[in-house]
C-alpha atoms as a PDB file:
ATOM      1  CA  UNK A   1      98.525 102.766 103.812  1.00  0.00           C
ATOM      2  CA  UNK A   2     100.653  99.838 102.309  1.00  0.00           C
ATOM      3  CA  UNK A   3     104.252 100.155 102.021  1.00  0.00           C
ATOM      4  CA  UNK A   4     106.859  97.841 100.378  1.00  0.00           C
ATOM      5  CA  UNK A   5     110.277  97.057 101.463  1.00  0.00           C
ATOM      6  CA  UNK A   6     112.894  98.070  98.922  1.00  0.00           C
ATOM      7  CA  UNK A   7     116.193  96.482  99.536  1.00  0.00           C
ATOM      8  CA  UNK A   8     117.807  98.687  97.311  1.00  0.00           C
ATOM      9  CA  UNK A   9     116.870 101.779  99.258  1.00  0.00           C
ATOM     10  CA  UNK A  10     117.038  99.771 102.833  1.00  0.00           C
ATOM     11  CA  UNK A  11     113.744 101.153 103.607  1.00  0.00           C
ATOM     12  CA  UNK A  12     109.806 101.095 102.673  1.00  0.00           C
ATOM     13  CA  UNK A  13     108.038 102.828  99.766  1.00  0.00           C
ATOM     14  CA  UNK A  14     104.499 103.469  99.282  1.00  0.00           C
ATOM     15  CA  UNK A  15     102.858 100.813  97.515  1.00  0.00           C
ATOM     16  CA  UNK A  16     100.307 103.386  95.867  1.00  0.00           C
ATOM     17  CA  UNK A  17     100.305 106.938  95.488  1.00  0.00           C
ATOM     18  CA  UNK A  18      98.765 108.835  98.391  1.00  0.00           C
ATOM     19  CA  UNK A  19      94.913 108.560  97.896  1.00  0.00           C
ATOM     20  CA  UNK A  20      92.082 111.027  98.478  1.00  0.00           C
ATOM     21  CA  UNK A  21      90.967 108.955 101.613  1.00  0.00           C
ATOM     22  CA  UNK A  22      94.233 109.026 103.046  1.00  0.00           C
ATOM     23  CA  UNK A  23      95.205 112.627 102.421  1.00  0.00           C
ATOM     24  CA  UNK A  24      91.808 113.554 104.181  1.00  0.00           C
ATOM     25  CA  UNK A  25      92.713 112.173 107.301  1.00  0.00           C
ATOM     26  CA  UNK A  26      95.388 114.874 107.366  1.00  0.00           C
ATOM     27  CA  UNK A  27      93.277 117.732 105.743  1.00  0.00           C
ATOM     28  CA  UNK A  28      89.486 116.904 105.899  1.00  0.00           C
ATOM     29  CA  UNK A  29      88.403 119.403 103.389  1.00  0.00           C
ATOM     30  CA  UNK A  30      90.591 118.835 100.651  1.00  0.00           C
ATOM     31  CA  UNK A  31      89.011 118.625  97.129  1.00  0.00           C
ATOM     32  CA  UNK A  32      90.759 116.967  94.253  1.00  0.00           C
ATOM     33  CA  UNK A  33      87.973 118.328  92.102  1.00  0.00           C
ATOM     34  CA  UNK A  34      86.688 117.263  88.603  1.00  0.00           C
ATOM     35  CA  UNK A  35      88.341 117.594  85.363  1.00  0.00           C
ATOM     36  CA  UNK A  36      87.419 120.905  84.035  1.00  0.00           C
ATOM     37  CA  UNK A  37      86.335 119.752  80.436  1.00  0.00           C
ATOM     38  CA  UNK A  38      84.080 117.111  81.796  1.00  0.00           C
ATOM     39  CA  UNK A  39      81.840 115.889  84.831  1.00  0.00           C
ATOM     40  CA  UNK A  40      84.537 113.321  85.766  1.00  0.00           C
ATOM     41  CA  UNK A  41      85.497 113.050  89.356  1.00  0.00           C
ATOM     42  CA  UNK A  42      88.836 113.208  90.538  1.00  0.00           C
ATOM     43  CA  UNK A  43      87.566 112.795  94.125  1.00  0.00           C
ATOM     44  CA  UNK A  44      87.113 109.047  94.620  1.00  0.00           C
ATOM     45  CA  UNK A  45      88.397 107.646  97.848  1.00  0.00           C
ATOM     46  CA  UNK A  46      90.744 105.358  96.197  1.00  0.00           C
ATOM     47  CA  UNK A  47      91.803 107.991  93.360  1.00  0.00           C
ATOM     48  CA  UNK A  48      95.330 109.531  93.962  1.00  0.00           C
ATOM     49  CA  UNK A  49      95.051 112.827  95.650  1.00  0.00           C
ATOM     50  CA  UNK A  50      95.668 115.673  93.150  1.00  0.00           C
ATOM     51  CA  UNK A  51      95.727 119.541  93.311  1.00  0.00           C
ATOM     52  CA  UNK A  52      98.109 119.210  95.888  1.00  0.00           C
ATOM     53  CA  UNK A  53     101.717 121.343  95.987  1.00  0.00           C
ATOM     54  CA  UNK A  54     104.876 120.277  96.971  1.00  0.00           C
ATOM     55  CA  UNK A  55     104.600 122.162 100.061  1.00  0.00           C
ATOM     56  CA  UNK A  56     101.206 120.194 100.868  1.00  0.00           C
ATOM     57  CA  UNK A  57     103.133 116.857 100.220  1.00  0.00           C
ATOM     58  CA  UNK A  58     105.822 117.857 102.749  1.00  0.00           C
ATOM     59  CA  UNK A  59     103.296 118.830 105.345  1.00  0.00           C
ATOM     60  CA  UNK A  60     101.855 115.705 105.104  1.00  0.00           C
ATOM     61  CA  UNK A  61     104.800 113.550 105.603  1.00  0.00           C
ATOM     62  CA  UNK A  62     105.475 115.823 108.656  1.00  0.00           C
ATOM     63  CA  UNK A  63     102.393 115.327 109.935  1.00  0.00           C
ATOM     64  CA  UNK A  64     103.103 111.457 109.749  1.00  0.00           C
ATOM     65  CA  UNK A  65     106.329 111.965 111.697  1.00  0.00           C
ATOM     66  CA  UNK A  66     104.737 113.792 114.329  1.00  0.00           C
ATOM     67  CA  UNK A  67     101.827 111.288 114.854  1.00  0.00           C
ATOM     68  CA  UNK A  68     103.560 108.092 114.217  1.00  0.00           C
ATOM     69  CA  UNK A  69     106.016 105.965 116.038  1.00  0.00           C
ATOM     70  CA  UNK A  70     108.103 104.779 113.142  1.00  0.00           C
ATOM     71  CA  UNK A  71     111.372 102.459 113.317  1.00  0.00           C
ATOM     72  CA  UNK A  72     114.088 104.332 115.241  1.00  0.00           C
ATOM     73  CA  UNK A  73     115.946 106.611 113.068  1.00  0.00           C
ATOM     74  CA  UNK A  74     113.511 106.201 110.155  1.00  0.00           C
ATOM     75  CA  UNK A  75     111.303 109.077 108.923  1.00  0.00           C
ATOM     76  CA  UNK A  76     108.361 109.522 106.399  1.00  0.00           C
ATOM     77  CA  UNK A  77     109.235 111.858 103.609  1.00  0.00           C
ATOM     78  CA  UNK A  78     109.076 112.575  99.761  1.00  0.00           C
ATOM     79  CA  UNK A  79     111.873 110.411  97.843  1.00  0.00           C
ATOM     80  CA  UNK A  80     114.660 112.407  96.109  1.00  0.00           C
ATOM     81  CA  UNK A  81     115.144 112.185  92.276  1.00  0.00           C
ATOM     82  CA  UNK A  82     117.659 109.417  92.619  1.00  0.00           C
ATOM     83  CA  UNK A  83     115.536 107.323  94.943  1.00  0.00           C
ATOM     84  CA  UNK A  84     112.475 107.641  92.784  1.00  0.00           C
ATOM     85  CA  UNK A  85     114.744 106.498  89.854  1.00  0.00           C
ATOM     86  CA  UNK A  86     115.889 103.404  91.797  1.00  0.00           C
ATOM     87  CA  UNK A  87     112.318 102.043  92.511  1.00  0.00           C
ATOM     88  CA  UNK A  88     110.971 103.213  88.918  1.00  0.00           C
ATOM     89  CA  UNK A  89     113.872 101.400  87.212  1.00  0.00           C
ATOM     90  CA  UNK A  90     113.485  98.176  89.465  1.00  0.00           C
ATOM     91  CA  UNK A  91     117.477  97.717  89.588  1.00  0.00           C
ATOM     92  CA  UNK A  92     118.315  97.106  86.021  1.00  0.00           C
ATOM     93  CA  UNK A  93     118.315 100.954  84.511  1.00  0.00           C
ATOM     94  CA  UNK A  94     115.157 100.437  82.293  1.00  0.00           C
ATOM     95  CA  UNK A  95     114.188 103.392  80.193  1.00  0.00           C
ATOM     96  CA  UNK A  96     110.523 103.103  81.200  1.00  0.00           C
ATOM     97  CA  UNK A  97     108.641 101.819  84.232  1.00  0.00           C
ATOM     98  CA  UNK A  98     107.507  98.794  82.326  1.00  0.00           C
ATOM     99  CA  UNK A  99     110.810  98.180  80.528  1.00  0.00           C
ATOM    100  CA  UNK A 100     112.549  99.082  77.293  1.00  0.00           C
ATOM    101  CA  UNK A 101     109.865  98.625  74.657  1.00  0.00           C
ATOM    102  CA  UNK A 102     107.396 100.757  73.267  1.00  0.00           C
ATOM    103  CA  UNK A 103     104.188 101.108  73.503  1.00  0.00           C
ATOM    104  CA  UNK A 104     103.636 100.820  77.245  1.00  0.00           C
ATOM    105  CA  UNK A 105     102.707  97.478  78.680  1.00  0.00           C
ATOM    106  CA  UNK A 106     100.434  99.038  81.446  1.00  0.00           C
ATOM    107  CA  UNK A 107      99.811 102.247  83.298  1.00  0.00           C
ATOM    108  CA  UNK A 108      97.036 105.094  83.192  1.00  0.00           C
ATOM    109  CA  UNK A 109      98.300 107.510  80.544  1.00  0.00           C
ATOM    110  CA  UNK A 110      96.243 109.693  77.916  1.00  0.00           C
ATOM    111  CA  UNK A 111      95.137 106.783  75.592  1.00  0.00           C
ATOM    112  CA  UNK A 112      92.295 106.744  73.239  1.00  0.00           C
ATOM    113  CA  UNK A 113      89.581 106.801  76.144  1.00  0.00           C
ATOM    114  CA  UNK A 114      91.110 109.598  77.720  1.00  0.00           C
ATOM    115  CA  UNK A 115      89.301 112.869  78.622  1.00  0.00           C
ATOM    116  CA  UNK A 116      92.467 114.664  77.859  1.00  0.00           C
ATOM    117  CA  UNK A 117      92.151 116.352  74.211  1.00  0.00           C
ATOM    118  CA  UNK A 118      95.433 114.669  72.984  1.00  0.00           C
ATOM    119  CA  UNK A 119      95.586 110.873  72.925  1.00  0.00           C
ATOM    120  CA  UNK A 120      98.518 108.319  72.614  1.00  0.00           C
ATOM    121  CA  UNK A 121      98.163 106.425  69.440  1.00  0.00           C
ATOM    122  CA  UNK A 122      97.614 102.838  69.588  1.00  0.00           C
ATOM    123  CA  UNK A 123      97.072 102.645  73.476  1.00  0.00           C
ATOM    124  CA  UNK A 124      94.275 102.423  75.824  1.00  0.00           C
ATOM    125  CA  UNK A 125      93.766 101.894  79.402  1.00  0.00           C
ATOM    126  CA  UNK A 126      90.200 102.399  80.000  1.00  0.00           C
ATOM    127  CA  UNK A 127      90.480 105.316  82.369  1.00  0.00           C
ATOM    128  CA  UNK A 128      89.643 108.633  81.210  1.00  0.00           C
ATOM    129  CA  UNK A 129      91.092 110.374  84.225  1.00  0.00           C
ATOM    130  CA  UNK A 130      92.833 109.256  87.276  1.00  0.00           C
ATOM    131  CA  UNK A 131      91.859 105.767  88.389  1.00  0.00           C
ATOM    132  CA  UNK A 132      91.818 103.979  91.596  1.00  0.00           C
ATOM    133  CA  UNK A 133      95.558 103.350  92.751  1.00  0.00           C
ATOM    134  CA  UNK A 134      94.815  99.541  92.638  1.00  0.00           C
ATOM    135  CA  UNK A 135      94.231  99.640  88.820  1.00  0.00           C
ATOM    136  CA  UNK A 136      97.181 102.100  88.021  1.00  0.00           C
ATOM    137  CA  UNK A 137      99.734  99.204  86.970  1.00  0.00           C
ATOM    138  CA  UNK A 138     102.312  97.261  88.965  1.00  0.00           C
ATOM    139  CA  UNK A 139     105.900  97.475  88.381  1.00  0.00           C
ATOM    140  CA  UNK A 140     108.428  94.480  88.896  1.00  0.00           C
ATOM    141  CA  UNK A 141     109.115  95.495  92.531  1.00  0.00           C
ATOM    142  CA  UNK A 142     105.360  95.482  93.550  1.00  0.00           C
ATOM    143  CA  UNK A 143     104.707  99.353  93.205  1.00  0.00           C
ATOM    144  CA  UNK A 144     101.520 100.881  91.390  1.00  0.00           C
ATOM    145  CA  UNK A 145     101.287 103.824  89.389  1.00  0.00           C
ATOM    146  CA  UNK A 146     105.060 104.525  89.114  1.00  0.00           C
ATOM    147  CA  UNK A 147     105.342 106.517  85.945  1.00  0.00           C
ATOM    148  CA  UNK A 148     101.476 106.658  85.362  1.00  0.00           C
ATOM    149  CA  UNK A 149      98.258 108.029  86.845  1.00  0.00           C
ATOM    150  CA  UNK A 150      99.786 111.252  88.347  1.00  0.00           C
ATOM    151  CA  UNK A 151     102.854 112.917  88.349  1.00  0.00           C
ATOM    152  CA  UNK A 152     104.905 112.312  91.943  1.00  0.00           C
ATOM    153  CA  UNK A 153     106.374 115.351  93.643  1.00  0.00           C
ATOM    154  CA  UNK A 154     110.040 114.537  94.816  1.00  0.00           C
ATOM    155  CA  UNK A 155     112.493 116.426  97.088  1.00  0.00           C
ATOM    156  CA  UNK A 156     114.650 116.969  94.061  1.00  0.00           C
ATOM    157  CA  UNK A 157     115.547 120.798  93.676  1.00  0.00           C
ATOM    158  CA  UNK A 158     116.386 122.741  90.616  1.00  0.00           C
ATOM    159  CA  UNK A 159     117.273 126.405  91.447  1.00  0.00           C
ATOM    160  CA  UNK A 160     113.991 127.497  93.135  1.00  0.00           C
ATOM    161  CA  UNK A 161     111.826 124.740  91.605  1.00  0.00           C
ATOM    162  CA  UNK A 162     110.941 121.076  92.791  1.00  0.00           C
ATOM    163  CA  UNK A 163     111.029 118.250  90.547  1.00  0.00           C
ATOM    164  CA  UNK A 164     107.842 116.342  89.441  1.00  0.00           C
ATOM    165  CA  UNK A 165     108.789 112.780  88.252  1.00  0.00           C
ATOM    166  CA  UNK A 166     106.541 110.378  86.598  1.00  0.00           C
ATOM    167  CA  UNK A 167     103.893 110.760  83.636  1.00  0.00           C
ATOM    168  CA  UNK A 168     100.355 110.887  84.372  1.00  0.00           C
ATOM    169  CA  UNK A 169      96.673 110.349  83.030  1.00  0.00           C
ATOM    170  CA  UNK A 170      97.158 113.466  80.624  1.00  0.00           C
ATOM    171  CA  UNK A 171     100.534 112.578  79.027  1.00  0.00           C
ATOM    172  CA  UNK A 172     101.136 111.231  75.500  1.00  0.00           C
ATOM    173  CA  UNK A 173     104.701 111.664  74.390  1.00  0.00           C
ATOM    174  CA  UNK A 174     107.312 108.846  74.420  1.00  0.00           C
ATOM    175  CA  UNK A 175     110.103 110.929  76.035  1.00  0.00           C
ATOM    176  CA  UNK A 176     107.700 112.095  78.816  1.00  0.00           C
ATOM    177  CA  UNK A 177     107.184 108.523  80.128  1.00  0.00           C
ATOM    178  CA  UNK A 178     111.036 107.864  80.572  1.00  0.00           C
ATOM    179  CA  UNK A 179     112.045 107.045  83.931  1.00  0.00           C
ATOM    180  CA  UNK A 180     114.657 109.761  83.698  1.00  0.00           C
ATOM    181  CA  UNK A 181     112.333 112.564  82.886  1.00  0.00           C
ATOM    182  CA  UNK A 182     111.581 115.246  85.367  1.00  0.00           C
ATOM    183  CA  UNK A 183     109.702 118.453  85.321  1.00  0.00           C
ATOM    184  CA  UNK A 184     110.372 121.643  87.193  1.00  0.00           C
ATOM    185  CA  UNK A 185     107.570 123.622  88.915  1.00  0.00           C
ATOM    186  CA  UNK A 186     107.165 126.069  91.599  1.00  0.00           C
ATOM    187  CA  UNK A 187     106.872 124.321  95.097  1.00  0.00           C
ATOM    188  CA  UNK A 188     103.431 126.008  95.870  1.00  0.00           C
ATOM    189  CA  UNK A 189     102.040 125.029  92.344  1.00  0.00           C
ATOM    190  CA  UNK A 190      98.727 122.852  92.326  1.00  0.00           C
ATOM    191  CA  UNK A 191      97.310 120.912  89.265  1.00  0.00           C
ATOM    192  CA  UNK A 192      94.984 118.134  88.432  1.00  0.00           C
ATOM    193  CA  UNK A 193      97.813 115.647  87.685  1.00  0.00           C
ATOM    194  CA  UNK A 194     100.223 116.434  90.623  1.00  0.00           C
ATOM    195  CA  UNK A 195     100.026 113.914  93.287  1.00  0.00           C
ATOM    196  CA  UNK A 196     103.024 112.098  95.735  1.00  0.00           C
ATOM    197  CA  UNK A 197     104.130 109.092  96.995  1.00  0.00           C
ATOM    198  CA  UNK A 198     105.629 108.625 100.558  1.00  0.00           C
ATOM    199  CA  UNK A 199     108.720 106.605 101.529  1.00  0.00           C
ATOM    200  CA  UNK A 200     109.948 105.639 105.071  1.00  0.00           C
ATOM    201  CA  UNK A 201     113.779 105.771 105.031  1.00  0.00           C
ATOM    202  CA  UNK A 202     116.416 106.025 107.525  1.00  0.00           C
ATOM    203  CA  UNK A 203     117.806 109.360 108.430  1.00  0.00           C
ATOM    204  CA  UNK A 204     121.056 109.797 106.608  1.00  0.00           C
ATOM    205  CA  UNK A 205     123.307 110.732 109.545  1.00  0.00           C
ATOM    206  CA  UNK A 206     121.663 107.897 111.859  1.00  0.00           C
ATOM    207  CA  UNK A 207     124.293 105.266 112.743  1.00  0.00           C
ATOM    208  CA  UNK A 208     121.864 102.022 112.647  1.00  0.00           C
ATOM    209  CA  UNK A 209     121.424  99.206 110.582  1.00  0.00           C
ATOM    210  CA  UNK A 210     118.447  98.394 108.453  1.00  0.00           C
ATOM    211  CA  UNK A 211     115.822  96.284 110.372  1.00  0.00           C
ATOM    212  CA  UNK A 212     115.825  92.502 109.335  1.00  0.00           C
ATOM    213  CA  UNK A 213     113.310  91.829 106.877  1.00  0.00           C
ATOM    214  CA  UNK A 214     112.649  89.958 103.608  1.00  0.00           C
ATOM    215  CA  UNK A 215     113.840  91.365 100.179  1.00  0.00           C
ATOM    216  CA  UNK A 216     110.278  93.095  99.385  1.00  0.00           C
ATOM    217  CA  UNK A 217     108.697  93.184 102.792  1.00  0.00           C
ATOM    218  CA  UNK A 218     105.113  94.674 102.559  1.00  0.00           C
ATOM    219  CA  UNK A 219     103.779  96.670 105.460  1.00  0.00           C
ATOM    220  CA  UNK A 220     100.324  97.825 106.174  1.00  0.00           C
ATOM    221  CA  UNK A 221      98.933 101.236 107.463  1.00  0.00           C
ATOM    222  CA  UNK A 222      95.855 100.330 109.197  1.00  0.00           C
ATOM    223  CA  UNK A 223      93.237 103.145 109.010  1.00  0.00           C
ATOM    224  CA  UNK A 224      90.374 103.642 111.723  1.00  0.00           C
ATOM    225  CA  UNK A 225      87.815 106.330 111.803  1.00  0.00           C
ATOM    226  CA  UNK A 226      88.898 109.863 110.940  1.00  0.00           C
ATOM    227  CA  UNK A 227      91.399 111.259 113.841  1.00  0.00           C
ATOM    228  CA  UNK A 228      92.779 108.071 114.458  1.00  0.00           C
ATOM    229  CA  UNK A 229      95.455 106.161 112.565  1.00  0.00           C
ATOM    230  CA  UNK A 230      97.447 103.147 114.036  1.00  0.00           C
ATOM    231  CA  UNK A 231     100.577 101.818 112.342  1.00  0.00           C
ATOM    232  CA  UNK A 232     102.618  98.785 112.819  1.00  0.00           C
ATOM    233  CA  UNK A 233     105.321  98.463 110.334  1.00  0.00           C
ATOM    234  CA  UNK A 234     105.822  94.757 111.090  1.00  0.00           C
ATOM    235  CA  UNK A 235     102.327  93.889 110.381  1.00  0.00           C
ATOM    236  CA  UNK A 236     102.275  91.390 107.513  1.00  0.00           C
ATOM    237  CA  UNK A 237      99.713  88.994 105.924  1.00  0.00           C
ATOM    238  CA  UNK A 238      99.587  85.542 107.804  1.00  0.00           C
ATOM    239  CA  UNK A 239     101.837  83.923 105.251  1.00  0.00           C
ATOM    240  CA  UNK A 240     104.602  86.772 105.394  1.00  0.00           C
ATOM    241  CA  UNK A 241     104.393  86.955 109.307  1.00  0.00           C
ATOM    242  CA  UNK A 242     105.143  83.212 109.502  1.00  0.00           C
ATOM    243  CA  UNK A 243     108.027  83.669 107.201  1.00  0.00           C
ATOM    244  CA  UNK A 244     109.237  86.694 109.064  1.00  0.00           C
ATOM    245  CA  UNK A 245     108.946  84.981 112.487  1.00  0.00           C
ATOM    246  CA  UNK A 246     111.301  82.030 111.151  1.00  0.00           C
ATOM    247  CA  UNK A 247     113.983  84.843 111.094  1.00  0.00           C
ATOM    248  CA  UNK A 248     113.060  87.206 113.620  1.00  0.00           C
ATOM    249  CA  UNK A 249     110.760  90.272 113.564  1.00  0.00           C
ATOM    250  CA  UNK A 250     112.218  93.845 112.627  1.00  0.00           C
ATOM    251  CA  UNK A 251     113.344  95.915 115.528  1.00  0.00           C
ATOM    252  CA  UNK A 252     111.783  99.136 116.592  1.00  0.00           C
ATOM    253  CA  UNK A 253     108.441  98.361 115.446  1.00  0.00           C
ATOM    254  CA  UNK A 254     105.697 100.498 116.982  1.00  0.00           C
ATOM    255  CA  UNK A 255     102.247 101.938 116.406  1.00  0.00           C
ATOM    256  CA  UNK A 256     100.933 105.541 116.026  1.00  0.00           C
ATOM    257  CA  UNK A 257      97.803 107.374 117.023  1.00  0.00           C
ATOM    258  CA  UNK A 258      96.614 110.711 115.434  1.00  0.00           C
END
């Protein structure tokens, strides 16, 4: 799993939505299914996991925290609504993940190629259902699929519901693609456009400073065979590592084994 350092949050945000192959390291038998009106699979290893509830997403984050050695006083969890808005709007209060203009500049929505019955006029993205996360469109902070591909569970609560943010492969309406749009759902509900993204942020009441890092430091979860996952939050591409070495490595960097 790849993560990107987001300075505005003083922590790491998943570069991609959690994929089927990543989720199955937690729950081997998970089936994201096929779209009911076609034979189009939602189960590809690099497609985002779907048919997961808020409760499922929280359980995945708790599993990560049980099995990982993360930076001291940091934890893996779902973002709240405000945090999601921060990395969706990229610090400039934009209306949509790509900016303020319509139609979309990128992203997997219900374009003319979509298997969904309703289509967005004048837009195509070549993906009839969910696409591999690397093809879901990158925002200005280096995060993919924010606002498209699948809706993302957040920790935001409205009465007894939890809030899903971001549009998905089956969305066509302009208002639904806004960064400030959220949808209330029962936390136990599953659907073929429900997914999630993990953040690794400091525990609120922890009295520690954020680790030394570059403004948008990318870190990588290295996956090995099922049952074992080793994580080093300071692991960077060679050029990034050389840059970081010049200023000092982040403190409390560790590894995890599942």
